[in-house]
Amino acid sequence: MVAPVLNLASAEGRIGAIDTEGRTLIISDGGDSSPQAPFELNTQQKGSDGFMWRFVQASGAIAASQTDIAVDAAGQATDGGGAYVNTLAFADNEYGWIRNAVITADAT
């Protein structure tokens, strides 16, 4: 099985957690008093795994392996009431990638 590819740029000066398939999933502010997102919030990209991935900022802590993450128009993610999934836990204000719960079919 080929690992999914997201083609993510490096996040210089940030701390990233890497999953077993090599995806950067969580970007921490690393103690920076004025953290900046390494990607634009709500950036979406289809991974080679067939899932759409969305870059968000946690609005409150989100435990690992949640299946009901909601995202507002500003790219703020919260636990509950949504249809996104995460792999790793998010601390409040951390940036990271979450995916939709189902594989996205290609439009023909």
C-alpha atoms as a PDB file:
ATOM      1  CA  MET A   1       0.000   0.000   0.000  1.00  0.00           C
ATOM      2  CA  VAL A   2       1.320   3.411  -0.951  1.00  0.00           C
ATOM      3  CA  ALA A   3       1.251   6.040   1.792  1.00  0.00           C
ATOM      4  CA  PRO A   4      -1.035   9.038   1.134  1.00  0.00           C
ATOM      5  CA  VAL A   5       0.696  12.156  -0.133  1.00  0.00           C
ATOM      6  CA  LEU A   6      -0.318  15.704   0.771  1.00  0.00           C
ATOM      7  CA  ASN A   7       2.695  17.586  -0.620  1.00  0.00           C
ATOM      8  CA  LEU A   8       2.991  19.743   2.502  1.00  0.00           C
ATOM      9  CA  ALA A   9       5.656  22.400   2.710  1.00  0.00           C
ATOM     10  CA  SER A  10       7.852  22.487   5.789  1.00  0.00           C
ATOM     11  CA  ALA A  11       6.719  24.663   8.665  1.00  0.00           C
ATOM     12  CA  GLU A  12       9.970  26.337   9.665  1.00  0.00           C
ATOM     13  CA  GLY A  13      10.069  27.276  13.327  1.00  0.00           C
ATOM     14  CA  ARG A  14       7.096  25.095  14.185  1.00  0.00           C
ATOM     15  CA  ILE A  15       6.840  21.740  15.903  1.00  0.00           C
ATOM     16  CA  GLY A  16       5.138  19.061  13.847  1.00  0.00           C
ATOM     17  CA  ALA A  17       3.908  15.603  14.728  1.00  0.00           C
ATOM     18  CA  ILE A  18       4.360  13.112  11.931  1.00  0.00           C
ATOM     19  CA  ASP A  19       2.121  10.060  11.616  1.00  0.00           C
ATOM     20  CA  THR A  20       3.308   6.659  10.381  1.00  0.00           C
ATOM     21  CA  GLU A  21       2.462   7.600   6.789  1.00  0.00           C
ATOM     22  CA  GLY A  22       4.633  10.730   6.884  1.00  0.00           C
ATOM     23  CA  ARG A  23       1.882  13.368   7.043  1.00  0.00           C
ATOM     24  CA  THR A  24       2.402  16.484   9.147  1.00  0.00           C
ATOM     25  CA  LEU A  25      -0.794  16.497  11.166  1.00  0.00           C
ATOM     26  CA  ILE A  26      -0.243  18.919  14.050  1.00  0.00           C
ATOM     27  CA  ILE A  27       1.658  22.188  13.940  1.00  0.00           C
ATOM     28  CA  SER A  28       2.284  23.689  17.375  1.00  0.00           C
ATOM     29  CA  ASP A  29       3.211  27.279  18.077  1.00  0.00           C
ATOM     30  CA  GLY A  30       6.290  25.963  19.920  1.00  0.00           C
ATOM     31  CA  GLY A  31       5.785  28.507  22.697  1.00  0.00           C
ATOM     32  CA  ASP A  32       5.764  31.436  20.262  1.00  0.00           C
ATOM     33  CA  SER A  33       3.802  34.316  21.783  1.00  0.00           C
ATOM     34  CA  SER A  34       2.381  35.245  18.360  1.00  0.00           C
ATOM     35  CA  PRO A  35       2.094  32.013  16.361  1.00  0.00           C
ATOM     36  CA  GLN A  36       1.277  32.176  12.662  1.00  0.00           C
ATOM     37  CA  ALA A  37      -0.271  29.424  10.595  1.00  0.00           C
ATOM     38  CA  PRO A  38       2.163  27.835   8.139  1.00  0.00           C
ATOM     39  CA  PHE A  39      -0.735  27.378   5.692  1.00  0.00           C
ATOM     40  CA  GLU A  40      -3.908  29.378   5.070  1.00  0.00           C
ATOM     41  CA  LEU A  41      -6.744  28.164   7.285  1.00  0.00           C
ATOM     42  CA  ASN A  42      -9.349  26.109   5.390  1.00  0.00           C
ATOM     43  CA  THR A  43      -6.781  25.047   2.775  1.00  0.00           C
ATOM     44  CA  GLN A  44      -8.056  21.765   1.353  1.00  0.00           C
ATOM     45  CA  GLN A  45      -6.165  19.135  -0.586  1.00  0.00           C
ATOM     46  CA  LYS A  46      -7.055  15.656  -1.729  1.00  0.00           C
ATOM     47  CA  GLY A  47      -4.538  13.109  -0.511  1.00  0.00           C
ATOM     48  CA  SER A  48      -3.481  10.063  -2.472  1.00  0.00           C
ATOM     49  CA  ASP A  49      -5.532   8.090   0.069  1.00  0.00           C
ATOM     50  CA  GLY A  50      -8.702   9.536  -1.516  1.00  0.00           C
ATOM     51  CA  PHE A  51      -9.637  11.679   1.480  1.00  0.00           C
ATOM     52  CA  MET A  52      -9.972  15.471   1.394  1.00  0.00           C
ATOM     53  CA  TRP A  53      -7.732  17.041   4.046  1.00  0.00           C
ATOM     54  CA  ARG A  54      -8.402  20.490   5.550  1.00  0.00           C
ATOM     55  CA  PHE A  55      -5.957  22.717   7.434  1.00  0.00           C
ATOM     56  CA  VAL A  56      -7.525  24.133  10.624  1.00  0.00           C
ATOM     57  CA  GLN A  57      -6.807  25.717  13.994  1.00  0.00           C
ATOM     58  CA  ALA A  58      -8.236  24.092  17.112  1.00  0.00           C
ATOM     59  CA  SER A  59     -10.697  26.214  19.044  1.00  0.00           C
ATOM     60  CA  GLY A  60     -10.290  24.306  22.287  1.00  0.00           C
ATOM     61  CA  ALA A  61      -8.629  20.964  22.921  1.00  0.00           C
ATOM     62  CA  ILE A  62      -9.611  18.054  20.666  1.00  0.00           C
ATOM     63  CA  ALA A  63      -8.787  14.507  21.742  1.00  0.00           C
ATOM     64  CA  ALA A  64      -7.116  12.082  19.334  1.00  0.00           C
ATOM     65  CA  SER A  65      -9.201   9.924  16.995  1.00  0.00           C
ATOM     66  CA  GLN A  66     -12.366  12.021  17.057  1.00  0.00           C
ATOM     67  CA  THR A  67     -14.911  11.405  14.292  1.00  0.00           C
ATOM     68  CA  ASP A  68     -17.206  14.410  14.732  1.00  0.00           C
ATOM     69  CA  ILE A  69     -15.031  17.514  14.376  1.00  0.00           C
ATOM     70  CA  ALA A  70     -16.840  20.645  13.184  1.00  0.00           C
ATOM     71  CA  VAL A  71     -15.122  23.464  11.279  1.00  0.00           C
ATOM     72  CA  ASP A  72     -16.492  26.990  10.887  1.00  0.00           C
ATOM     73  CA  ALA A  73     -15.972  29.349   7.953  1.00  0.00           C
ATOM     74  CA  ALA A  74     -12.877  30.847   9.631  1.00  0.00           C
ATOM     75  CA  GLY A  75     -11.142  27.448   9.846  1.00  0.00           C
ATOM     76  CA  GLN A  76     -11.672  27.006  13.594  1.00  0.00           C
ATOM     77  CA  ALA A  77     -12.181  23.349  14.551  1.00  0.00           C
ATOM     78  CA  THR A  78     -14.175  22.125  17.552  1.00  0.00           C
ATOM     79  CA  ASP A  79     -14.955  18.670  18.863  1.00  0.00           C
ATOM     80  CA  GLY A  80     -18.550  17.648  18.198  1.00  0.00           C
ATOM     81  CA  GLY A  81     -21.277  18.131  15.637  1.00  0.00           C
ATOM     82  CA  GLY A  82     -19.208  17.811  12.479  1.00  0.00           C
ATOM     83  CA  ALA A  83     -18.055  15.240   9.952  1.00  0.00           C
ATOM     84  CA  TYR A  84     -14.259  15.551  10.094  1.00  0.00           C
ATOM     85  CA  VAL A  85     -11.793  13.075  11.609  1.00  0.00           C
ATOM     86  CA  ASN A  86      -8.400  13.586  13.276  1.00  0.00           C
ATOM     87  CA  THR A  87      -5.580  11.190  14.113  1.00  0.00           C
ATOM     88  CA  LEU A  88      -3.631  13.087  16.769  1.00  0.00           C
ATOM     89  CA  ALA A  89      -4.832  15.283  19.629  1.00  0.00           C
ATOM     90  CA  PHE A  90      -4.929  19.063  19.198  1.00  0.00           C
ATOM     91  CA  ALA A  91      -4.227  21.488  22.037  1.00  0.00           C
ATOM     92  CA  ASP A  92      -6.152  24.768  22.011  1.00  0.00           C
ATOM     93  CA  ASN A  93      -4.927  27.003  19.150  1.00  0.00           C
ATOM     94  CA  GLU A  94      -2.773  24.312  17.509  1.00  0.00           C
ATOM     95  CA  TYR A  95      -2.809  24.084  13.724  1.00  0.00           C
ATOM     96  CA  GLY A  96      -3.160  20.835  11.832  1.00  0.00           C
ATOM     97  CA  TRP A  97      -4.771  18.740   9.126  1.00  0.00           C
ATOM     98  CA  ILE A  98      -8.029  16.842   9.553  1.00  0.00           C
ATOM     99  CA  ARG A  99      -9.823  14.772   6.936  1.00  0.00           C
ATOM    100  CA  ASN A 100     -13.395  14.177   5.894  1.00  0.00           C
ATOM    101  CA  ALA A 101     -14.937  10.966   7.155  1.00  0.00           C
ATOM    102  CA  VAL A 102     -15.514   9.415   3.723  1.00  0.00           C
ATOM    103  CA  ILE A 103     -13.395   9.117   0.615  1.00  0.00           C
ATOM    104  CA  THR A 104     -14.303  11.792  -1.910  1.00  0.00           C
ATOM    105  CA  ALA A 105     -15.394  10.531  -5.302  1.00  0.00           C
ATOM    106  CA  ASP A 106     -13.824  12.236  -8.307  1.00  0.00           C
ATOM    107  CA  ALA A 107     -16.260  14.276 -10.379  1.00  0.00           C
ATOM    108  CA  THR A 108     -16.573  13.054 -13.930  1.00  0.00           C
END
